[in-house]
C-alpha atoms as a PDB file:
ATOM      1  CA  MET A   1      -6.011   1.215 -16.444  1.00  0.00           C
ATOM      2  CA  ASP A   2      -3.413  -1.179 -15.979  1.00  0.00           C
ATOM      3  CA  GLY A   3      -4.347  -4.091 -13.801  1.00  0.00           C
ATOM      4  CA  PRO A   4      -2.688  -4.772 -10.194  1.00  0.00           C
ATOM      5  CA  LEU A   5       0.863  -3.951  -9.577  1.00  0.00           C
ATOM      6  CA  ARG A   6       2.594  -6.422  -7.414  1.00  0.00           C
ATOM      7  CA  ILE A   7       5.617  -5.363  -5.462  1.00  0.00           C
ATOM      8  CA  GLU A   8       7.667  -6.645  -2.467  1.00  0.00           C
ATOM      9  CA  PRO A   9       8.006  -4.425   0.864  1.00  0.00           C
ATOM     10  CA  GLY A  10      10.638  -1.772   0.451  1.00  0.00           C
ATOM     11  CA  GLU A  11      10.682  -2.138  -3.188  1.00  0.00           C
ATOM     12  CA  ARG A  12       9.272   1.044  -3.814  1.00  0.00           C
ATOM     13  CA  SER A  13       9.458   4.689  -2.718  1.00  0.00           C
ATOM     14  CA  ALA A  14       6.223   6.156  -0.814  1.00  0.00           C
ATOM     15  CA  ASP A  15       6.298   8.667  -3.827  1.00  0.00           C
ATOM     16  CA  GLU A  16       5.770   6.019  -6.389  1.00  0.00           C
ATOM     17  CA  ILE A  17       3.180   4.016  -4.440  1.00  0.00           C
ATOM     18  CA  LEU A  18       1.330   6.987  -4.216  1.00  0.00           C
ATOM     19  CA  ASP A  19       1.551   8.069  -8.103  1.00  0.00           C
ATOM     20  CA  GLU A  20       0.372   4.559  -8.933  1.00  0.00           C
ATOM     21  CA  LEU A  21      -2.716   4.761  -6.446  1.00  0.00           C
ATOM     22  CA  ARG A  22      -3.870   8.380  -7.717  1.00  0.00           C
ATOM     23  CA  ALA A  23      -3.491   6.729 -10.795  1.00  0.00           C
ATOM     24  CA  GLY A  24      -6.256   4.353 -10.081  1.00  0.00           C
ATOM     25  CA  ARG A  25      -4.086   1.349  -9.901  1.00  0.00           C
ATOM     26  CA  ARG A  26      -3.977  -1.433  -7.008  1.00  0.00           C
ATOM     27  CA  ILE A  27      -0.969  -2.459  -5.090  1.00  0.00           C
ATOM     28  CA  LEU A  28      -0.588  -5.654  -4.170  1.00  0.00           C
ATOM     29  CA  ILE A  29       2.306  -6.542  -1.488  1.00  0.00           C
ATOM     30  CA  GLY A  30       3.428  -9.963  -0.078  1.00  0.00           C
ATOM     31  CA  VAL A  31       4.058  -9.726   3.565  1.00  0.00           C
ATOM     32  CA  GLU A  32       5.328 -12.398   6.301  1.00  0.00           C
ATOM     33  CA  VAL A  33       2.981 -12.629   9.011  1.00  0.00           C
ATOM     34  CA  ALA A  34       2.568 -15.903  11.456  1.00  0.00           C
ATOM     35  CA  GLY A  35       5.263 -17.732   9.302  1.00  0.00           C
ATOM     36  CA  GLY A  36       3.390 -17.243   5.889  1.00  0.00           C
ATOM     37  CA  THR A  37       2.906 -14.921   3.398  1.00  0.00           C
ATOM     38  CA  HIS A  38      -0.184 -12.872   3.227  1.00  0.00           C
ATOM     39  CA  GLU A  39      -1.447 -10.320   0.605  1.00  0.00           C
ATOM     40  CA  VAL A  40      -2.055  -6.716   1.639  1.00  0.00           C
ATOM     41  CA  VAL A  41      -4.093  -4.436  -0.822  1.00  0.00           C
ATOM     42  CA  LEU A  42      -3.474  -0.716  -1.376  1.00  0.00           C
ATOM     43  CA  ARG A  43      -6.178   1.424  -3.018  1.00  0.00           C
ATOM     44  CA  TYR A  44      -7.486   4.839  -3.469  1.00  0.00           C
ATOM     45  CA  ASP A  45     -10.864   5.677  -4.071  1.00  0.00           C
ATOM     46  CA  GLY A  46     -10.420   9.013  -4.609  1.00  0.00           C
ATOM     47  CA  GLU A  47     -11.111  10.317  -1.615  1.00  0.00           C
ATOM     48  CA  THR A  48     -10.002   7.619   0.823  1.00  0.00           C
ATOM     49  CA  TYR A  49      -6.764   5.608   0.989  1.00  0.00           C
ATOM     50  CA  HIS A  50      -7.372   2.030   2.009  1.00  0.00           C
ATOM     51  CA  CYS A  51      -5.107  -0.815   3.138  1.00  0.00           C
ATOM     52  CA  ASP A  52      -6.520  -4.502   3.077  1.00  0.00           C
ATOM     53  CA  THR A  53      -4.385  -6.668   5.153  1.00  0.00           C
ATOM     54  CA  PRO A  54      -5.553 -10.096   6.060  1.00  0.00           C
ATOM     55  CA  THR A  55      -6.857  -9.184   9.514  1.00  0.00           C
ATOM     56  CA  ASN A  56      -7.851  -5.308   9.332  1.00  0.00           C
ATOM     57  CA  LEU A  57      -8.833  -2.513   6.935  1.00  0.00           C
ATOM     58  CA  HIS A  58      -7.194   0.749   7.386  1.00  0.00           C
ATOM     59  CA  ARG A  59      -8.334   3.834   5.754  1.00  0.00           C
ATOM     60  CA  HIS A  60      -6.613   7.249   5.723  1.00  0.00           C
ATOM     61  CA  THR A  61      -8.489  10.203   4.329  1.00  0.00           C
ATOM     62  CA  GLU A  62      -4.693  12.306   4.110  1.00  0.00           C
ATOM     63  CA  GLU A  63      -2.126  11.701   1.825  1.00  0.00           C
ATOM     64  CA  ALA A  64       0.099  12.690   4.832  1.00  0.00           C
ATOM     65  CA  GLU A  65      -1.511   9.816   6.844  1.00  0.00           C
ATOM     66  CA  MET A  66      -0.974   7.413   3.926  1.00  0.00           C
ATOM     67  CA  ARG A  67       2.727   8.368   3.371  1.00  0.00           C
ATOM     68  CA  SER A  68       3.428   7.435   7.339  1.00  0.00           C
ATOM     69  CA  CYS A  69       1.392   3.926   7.267  1.00  0.00           C
ATOM     70  CA  LEU A  70       3.485   3.118   4.430  1.00  0.00           C
ATOM     71  CA  TYR A  71       6.595   3.805   6.492  1.00  0.00           C
ATOM     72  CA  ARG A  72       5.420   2.401   9.415  1.00  0.00           C
ATOM     73  CA  MET A  73       4.489  -0.562   8.136  1.00  0.00           C
ATOM     74  CA  GLY A  74       7.499  -1.317   6.112  1.00  0.00           C
ATOM     75  CA  TYR A  75       5.343  -1.129   2.506  1.00  0.00           C
ATOM     76  CA  ALA A  76       7.881   1.829   1.172  1.00  0.00           C
ATOM     77  CA  ALA A  77      11.519   2.012   0.764  1.00  0.00           C
ATOM     78  CA  GLU A  78      12.997   4.404   3.122  1.00  0.00           C
ATOM     79  CA  GLU A  79      14.282   7.735   1.937  1.00  0.00           C
END
C-alpha cells in the first residue's frame, strides 16, 4: 500500500477519491478554516468511511453518504 495521498480541495473527482480510499489509501486535504490551513484526513476501514477534521470525526457507512459529504464539504471536484 502507498503512503497517504495529499490533495487540494476540488483537485480530484469523488470517484477518484473513493477509489483511493477503497484501495486502502488515506487522503490528506488542506482546508482553510478560521484564517489558517488545517488538515482533513479521509480514510476507509473496509466498513466505514471516516472524515477526520480538526474539530470533528464524521463517519459514513454508505458510499452514497460519503460521496455527498465529499461534494458538500468541497473536497471533490464538481462533475
